Amino acid sequence: MTKFGALWVAVWLMVALTAACGASGGSTQEHAGSTTATAATITIASMSYGEPVTVPSGAQVAVANNDPQEHSVTSDAAGAFTVDVDGNGHGTFTAPSAPGEYPFHCTYHPSMHGMLIVS
């Protein structure tokens, strides 16, 4: 194989592996690349989560971070859900299966609080 052919194979493998890594799913923390339909979107802007979001139990929840800094959506109830979202990025997480109100916060900015309502 020529040097050019070996380089082409290496580039093709890197592209294929990168695409495979970006298509994660089924975890409590996901990032851009997921094709799972979401029930609602939590939009982060100006260091705020906005109004409470209501979703069905076990639904996929999208997070759109419109701020330039990284934020998280982390449940106040340990282990219920968490996702870190890079500045100007997107992510998803799975809502809890038990109905109720789930307050959440940003682990990076303690003044940020929001509410997820699971029906």
N, C-alpha and C. Protein backbone atom coordinates (compact mmCIF):
# COMPACT_ATOMS: atom_id res chain seq x y z
N MET A 1 0.85 -1.17 0.00
CA MET A 1 0.00 0.00 0.00
C MET A 1 0.90 1.23 0.00
N THR A 2 0.52 2.22 -0.77
CA THR A 2 1.30 3.46 -0.84
C THR A 2 1.07 4.29 0.42
N LYS A 3 1.97 5.28 0.61
CA LYS A 3 1.79 6.18 1.75
C LYS A 3 0.45 6.90 1.66
N PHE A 4 0.07 7.30 0.43
CA PHE A 4 -1.20 7.99 0.26
C PHE A 4 -2.36 7.07 0.62
N GLY A 5 -2.29 5.82 0.21
CA GLY A 5 -3.36 4.86 0.51
C GLY A 5 -3.46 4.62 2.00
N ALA A 6 -2.34 4.48 2.69
CA ALA A 6 -2.35 4.26 4.14
C ALA A 6 -2.92 5.48 4.85
N LEU A 7 -2.57 6.67 4.39
CA LEU A 7 -3.10 7.89 4.98
C LEU A 7 -4.61 7.97 4.78
N TRP A 8 -5.09 7.63 3.60
CA TRP A 8 -6.53 7.65 3.31
C TRP A 8 -7.27 6.68 4.24
N VAL A 9 -6.74 5.49 4.44
CA VAL A 9 -7.37 4.51 5.33
C VAL A 9 -7.40 5.04 6.76
N ALA A 10 -6.30 5.64 7.22
CA ALA A 10 -6.24 6.18 8.58
C ALA A 10 -7.25 7.29 8.78
N VAL A 11 -7.38 8.19 7.81
CA VAL A 11 -8.35 9.29 7.91
C VAL A 11 -9.76 8.72 7.92
N TRP A 12 -10.05 7.77 7.06
CA TRP A 12 -11.39 7.17 6.99
C TRP A 12 -11.74 6.50 8.31
N LEU A 13 -10.81 5.77 8.93
CA LEU A 13 -11.06 5.12 10.21
C LEU A 13 -11.32 6.14 11.31
N MET A 14 -10.58 7.26 11.32
CA MET A 14 -10.79 8.29 12.33
C MET A 14 -12.18 8.89 12.20
N VAL A 15 -12.61 9.15 10.97
CA VAL A 15 -13.94 9.71 10.74
C VAL A 15 -15.01 8.72 11.21
N ALA A 16 -14.86 7.45 10.87
CA ALA A 16 -15.84 6.44 11.26
C ALA A 16 -15.91 6.29 12.78
N LEU A 17 -14.77 6.27 13.45
CA LEU A 17 -14.76 6.14 14.90
C LEU A 17 -15.34 7.37 15.57
N THR A 18 -15.06 8.55 15.05
CA THR A 18 -15.61 9.78 15.62
C THR A 18 -17.13 9.79 15.49
N ALA A 19 -17.65 9.38 14.37
CA ALA A 19 -19.10 9.34 14.17
C ALA A 19 -19.73 8.33 15.12
N ALA A 20 -19.11 7.19 15.32
CA ALA A 20 -19.65 6.17 16.22
C ALA A 20 -19.66 6.65 17.66
N CYS A 21 -18.64 7.38 18.07
CA CYS A 21 -18.58 7.88 19.45
C CYS A 21 -19.63 8.95 19.70
N GLY A 22 -19.99 9.72 18.71
CA GLY A 22 -20.96 10.80 18.88
C GLY A 22 -22.39 10.33 18.97
N ALA A 23 -22.67 9.06 18.67
CA ALA A 23 -24.04 8.57 18.64
C ALA A 23 -24.35 7.77 19.88
N SER A 24 -24.11 8.35 21.04
CA SER A 24 -24.41 7.65 22.28
C SER A 24 -25.89 7.71 22.56
N GLY A 25 -26.36 6.78 23.40
CA GLY A 25 -27.77 6.81 23.75
C GLY A 25 -28.05 5.94 24.94
N GLY A 26 -29.16 6.20 25.61
CA GLY A 26 -29.61 5.35 26.69
C GLY A 26 -29.01 5.66 28.05
N SER A 27 -28.12 6.59 28.16
CA SER A 27 -27.53 6.90 29.46
C SER A 27 -28.21 8.12 30.06
N THR A 28 -27.84 8.42 31.30
CA THR A 28 -28.42 9.60 31.92
C THR A 28 -27.69 10.86 31.48
N GLN A 29 -26.62 10.71 30.75
CA GLN A 29 -25.90 11.88 30.25
C GLN A 29 -25.55 11.64 28.80
N GLU A 30 -26.01 12.50 27.92
CA GLU A 30 -25.73 12.39 26.51
C GLU A 30 -25.32 13.75 25.97
N HIS A 31 -24.72 13.74 24.81
CA HIS A 31 -24.30 14.99 24.19
C HIS A 31 -24.79 15.02 22.75
N ALA A 32 -24.47 16.07 22.05
CA ALA A 32 -24.90 16.24 20.67
C ALA A 32 -24.61 14.97 19.88
N GLY A 33 -25.49 14.63 18.95
CA GLY A 33 -25.33 13.44 18.14
C GLY A 33 -26.43 12.44 18.40
N SER A 34 -27.19 12.60 19.46
CA SER A 34 -28.28 11.69 19.75
C SER A 34 -29.45 11.97 18.82
N THR A 35 -30.10 10.92 18.33
CA THR A 35 -31.24 11.09 17.45
C THR A 35 -32.55 10.75 18.15
N THR A 36 -32.52 10.51 19.45
CA THR A 36 -33.72 10.18 20.21
C THR A 36 -34.63 11.40 20.29
N ALA A 37 -35.94 11.18 20.05
CA ALA A 37 -36.91 12.28 20.15
C ALA A 37 -36.98 12.75 21.60
N THR A 38 -37.10 14.06 21.77
CA THR A 38 -37.18 14.61 23.12
C THR A 38 -38.57 15.15 23.38
N ALA A 39 -38.97 15.12 24.67
CA ALA A 39 -40.30 15.57 25.06
C ALA A 39 -40.34 17.07 25.29
N ALA A 40 -39.23 17.66 25.70
CA ALA A 40 -39.17 19.10 26.00
C ALA A 40 -37.71 19.52 26.00
N THR A 41 -37.51 20.85 25.98
CA THR A 41 -36.16 21.39 26.00
C THR A 41 -36.02 22.39 27.14
N ILE A 42 -34.97 22.21 27.94
CA ILE A 42 -34.57 23.19 28.93
C ILE A 42 -33.57 24.10 28.23
N THR A 43 -33.89 25.38 28.15
CA THR A 43 -33.01 26.33 27.47
C THR A 43 -32.30 27.19 28.51
N ILE A 44 -30.98 27.15 28.48
CA ILE A 44 -30.16 27.95 29.39
C ILE A 44 -29.74 29.21 28.64
N ALA A 45 -30.05 30.37 29.23
CA ALA A 45 -29.66 31.65 28.63
C ALA A 45 -29.49 32.68 29.73
N SER A 46 -28.46 33.48 29.61
CA SER A 46 -28.19 34.54 30.59
C SER A 46 -28.13 34.00 32.01
N MET A 47 -27.45 32.87 32.17
CA MET A 47 -27.24 32.24 33.49
C MET A 47 -28.57 31.88 34.17
N SER A 48 -29.57 31.45 33.37
CA SER A 48 -30.88 31.09 33.90
C SER A 48 -31.46 29.91 33.12
N TYR A 49 -32.24 29.08 33.81
CA TYR A 49 -32.91 27.95 33.17
C TYR A 49 -34.29 28.31 32.61
N GLY A 50 -34.83 29.43 32.98
CA GLY A 50 -36.15 29.81 32.51
C GLY A 50 -37.25 29.14 33.32
N GLU A 51 -38.43 29.05 32.72
CA GLU A 51 -39.62 28.50 33.38
C GLU A 51 -39.49 26.99 33.58
N PRO A 52 -40.23 26.42 34.57
CA PRO A 52 -40.24 24.96 34.76
C PRO A 52 -40.69 24.24 33.48
N VAL A 53 -40.17 23.04 33.30
CA VAL A 53 -40.48 22.22 32.13
C VAL A 53 -41.21 20.97 32.62
N THR A 54 -42.31 20.60 31.93
CA THR A 54 -43.08 19.41 32.28
C THR A 54 -42.90 18.35 31.20
N VAL A 55 -42.60 17.11 31.63
CA VAL A 55 -42.39 15.99 30.71
C VAL A 55 -43.04 14.73 31.28
N PRO A 56 -43.33 13.76 30.42
CA PRO A 56 -43.81 12.46 30.92
C PRO A 56 -42.68 11.70 31.60
N SER A 57 -43.03 10.76 32.46
CA SER A 57 -42.01 9.97 33.15
C SER A 57 -41.16 9.20 32.14
N GLY A 58 -39.85 9.17 32.40
CA GLY A 58 -38.91 8.44 31.55
C GLY A 58 -38.62 9.08 30.20
N ALA A 59 -39.12 10.29 29.95
CA ALA A 59 -38.93 10.95 28.66
C ALA A 59 -37.50 11.47 28.50
N GLN A 60 -37.09 11.65 27.27
CA GLN A 60 -35.82 12.29 26.97
C GLN A 60 -36.02 13.80 27.03
N VAL A 61 -35.14 14.48 27.75
CA VAL A 61 -35.21 15.92 27.91
C VAL A 61 -33.97 16.52 27.25
N ALA A 62 -34.19 17.45 26.34
CA ALA A 62 -33.08 18.14 25.67
C ALA A 62 -32.65 19.34 26.50
N VAL A 63 -31.38 19.68 26.40
CA VAL A 63 -30.84 20.88 27.05
C VAL A 63 -30.09 21.67 25.98
N ALA A 64 -30.48 22.93 25.83
CA ALA A 64 -29.80 23.84 24.91
C ALA A 64 -29.12 24.92 25.75
N ASN A 65 -27.81 24.94 25.72
CA ASN A 65 -27.05 25.94 26.48
C ASN A 65 -26.68 27.08 25.54
N ASN A 66 -27.37 28.20 25.67
CA ASN A 66 -27.10 29.36 24.83
C ASN A 66 -26.05 30.30 25.42
N ASP A 67 -25.52 29.97 26.59
CA ASP A 67 -24.46 30.75 27.21
C ASP A 67 -23.10 30.27 26.71
N PRO A 68 -22.09 31.13 26.74
CA PRO A 68 -20.76 30.72 26.28
C PRO A 68 -20.03 29.81 27.29
N GLN A 69 -20.48 29.76 28.54
CA GLN A 69 -19.81 28.93 29.53
C GLN A 69 -20.54 27.60 29.75
N GLU A 70 -19.79 26.60 30.20
CA GLU A 70 -20.35 25.29 30.49
C GLU A 70 -21.32 25.37 31.67
N HIS A 71 -22.41 24.61 31.57
CA HIS A 71 -23.39 24.51 32.65
C HIS A 71 -23.73 23.04 32.83
N SER A 72 -24.42 22.75 33.94
CA SER A 72 -24.98 21.41 34.13
C SER A 72 -26.44 21.55 34.49
N VAL A 73 -27.17 20.47 34.26
CA VAL A 73 -28.53 20.32 34.77
C VAL A 73 -28.43 19.11 35.68
N THR A 74 -28.36 19.36 36.99
CA THR A 74 -28.10 18.32 37.98
C THR A 74 -29.21 18.33 39.02
N SER A 75 -29.88 17.19 39.13
CA SER A 75 -30.98 17.07 40.08
C SER A 75 -30.50 17.31 41.51
N ASP A 76 -31.34 17.99 42.31
CA ASP A 76 -31.03 18.15 43.73
C ASP A 76 -31.12 16.81 44.46
N ALA A 77 -31.91 15.88 43.93
CA ALA A 77 -32.00 14.52 44.47
C ALA A 77 -30.86 13.71 43.86
N ALA A 78 -29.94 13.27 44.67
CA ALA A 78 -28.74 12.58 44.19
C ALA A 78 -29.09 11.43 43.25
N GLY A 79 -28.47 11.44 42.08
CA GLY A 79 -28.60 10.34 41.13
C GLY A 79 -29.83 10.35 40.25
N ALA A 80 -30.73 11.32 40.39
CA ALA A 80 -31.95 11.33 39.58
C ALA A 80 -31.63 11.65 38.11
N PHE A 81 -30.80 12.64 37.86
CA PHE A 81 -30.35 12.97 36.50
C PHE A 81 -29.25 14.02 36.59
N THR A 82 -28.40 14.02 35.58
CA THR A 82 -27.38 15.06 35.44
C THR A 82 -26.87 15.04 34.01
N VAL A 83 -26.56 16.21 33.51
CA VAL A 83 -25.91 16.33 32.22
C VAL A 83 -25.08 17.62 32.24
N ASP A 84 -23.86 17.54 31.76
CA ASP A 84 -22.99 18.71 31.58
C ASP A 84 -23.10 19.12 30.12
N VAL A 85 -23.25 20.43 29.88
CA VAL A 85 -23.41 20.91 28.51
C VAL A 85 -22.40 22.04 28.27
N ASP A 86 -21.53 21.84 27.30
CA ASP A 86 -20.54 22.85 26.96
C ASP A 86 -21.21 24.16 26.55
N GLY A 87 -20.48 25.25 26.63
CA GLY A 87 -20.99 26.53 26.18
C GLY A 87 -21.47 26.46 24.75
N ASN A 88 -22.65 27.02 24.50
CA ASN A 88 -23.28 27.00 23.17
C ASN A 88 -23.47 25.58 22.65
N GLY A 89 -23.68 24.63 23.57
CA GLY A 89 -23.85 23.23 23.18
C GLY A 89 -25.22 22.68 23.53
N HIS A 90 -25.37 21.41 23.26
CA HIS A 90 -26.63 20.70 23.50
C HIS A 90 -26.35 19.37 24.18
N GLY A 91 -27.34 18.87 24.90
CA GLY A 91 -27.25 17.56 25.53
C GLY A 91 -28.64 17.04 25.81
N THR A 92 -28.73 15.81 26.29
CA THR A 92 -30.01 15.22 26.68
C THR A 92 -29.82 14.39 27.93
N PHE A 93 -30.92 14.15 28.63
CA PHE A 93 -30.92 13.22 29.75
C PHE A 93 -32.30 12.59 29.84
N THR A 94 -32.40 11.53 30.61
CA THR A 94 -33.65 10.82 30.80
C THR A 94 -34.31 11.29 32.08
N ALA A 95 -35.57 11.71 31.98
CA ALA A 95 -36.32 12.15 33.16
C ALA A 95 -36.58 10.95 34.06
N PRO A 96 -36.71 11.19 35.36
CA PRO A 96 -37.03 10.09 36.29
C PRO A 96 -38.36 9.42 35.92
N SER A 97 -38.52 8.18 36.34
CA SER A 97 -39.76 7.45 36.03
C SER A 97 -40.87 7.77 37.03
N ALA A 98 -40.53 8.25 38.21
CA ALA A 98 -41.54 8.58 39.23
C ALA A 98 -42.05 10.01 39.01
N PRO A 99 -43.37 10.20 38.94
CA PRO A 99 -43.91 11.56 38.81
C PRO A 99 -43.54 12.42 40.02
N GLY A 100 -43.46 13.72 39.79
CA GLY A 100 -43.16 14.65 40.87
C GLY A 100 -42.41 15.86 40.37
N GLU A 101 -42.06 16.73 41.31
CA GLU A 101 -41.28 17.92 41.00
C GLU A 101 -39.83 17.65 41.36
N TYR A 102 -38.94 17.94 40.43
CA TYR A 102 -37.51 17.69 40.61
C TYR A 102 -36.72 18.99 40.46
N PRO A 103 -36.41 19.63 41.58
CA PRO A 103 -35.56 20.82 41.50
C PRO A 103 -34.16 20.41 41.02
N PHE A 104 -33.53 21.30 40.26
CA PHE A 104 -32.17 21.03 39.80
C PHE A 104 -31.33 22.29 39.87
N HIS A 105 -30.03 22.14 39.69
CA HIS A 105 -29.09 23.24 39.81
C HIS A 105 -27.93 23.05 38.84
N CYS A 106 -27.10 24.07 38.75
CA CYS A 106 -25.86 23.99 37.97
C CYS A 106 -24.71 23.76 38.95
N THR A 107 -23.95 22.72 38.71
CA THR A 107 -22.82 22.43 39.61
C THR A 107 -21.71 23.47 39.49
N TYR A 108 -21.67 24.20 38.38
CA TYR A 108 -20.62 25.20 38.16
C TYR A 108 -21.02 26.58 38.67
N HIS A 109 -22.33 26.83 38.75
CA HIS A 109 -22.85 28.16 39.14
C HIS A 109 -23.96 27.96 40.18
N PRO A 110 -23.61 27.96 41.46
CA PRO A 110 -24.56 27.62 42.55
C PRO A 110 -25.80 28.50 42.60
N SER A 111 -25.79 29.67 41.97
CA SER A 111 -26.98 30.53 42.01
C SER A 111 -28.04 30.11 40.99
N MET A 112 -27.71 29.19 40.10
CA MET A 112 -28.65 28.76 39.06
C MET A 112 -29.50 27.59 39.56
N HIS A 113 -30.84 27.77 39.50
CA HIS A 113 -31.77 26.72 39.92
C HIS A 113 -32.92 26.64 38.93
N GLY A 114 -33.46 25.44 38.75
CA GLY A 114 -34.60 25.24 37.86
C GLY A 114 -35.49 24.13 38.40
N MET A 115 -36.57 23.82 37.65
CA MET A 115 -37.51 22.80 38.07
C MET A 115 -37.94 21.96 36.88
N LEU A 116 -37.86 20.64 37.05
CA LEU A 116 -38.39 19.68 36.09
C LEU A 116 -39.61 19.04 36.72
N ILE A 117 -40.74 19.08 36.04
CA ILE A 117 -41.97 18.46 36.53
C ILE A 117 -42.23 17.21 35.70
N VAL A 118 -42.28 16.05 36.37
CA VAL A 118 -42.52 14.78 35.71
C VAL A 118 -43.96 14.38 35.97
N SER A 119 -44.73 14.19 34.89
CA SER A 119 -46.15 13.86 35.05
C SER A 119 -46.40 12.36 34.88
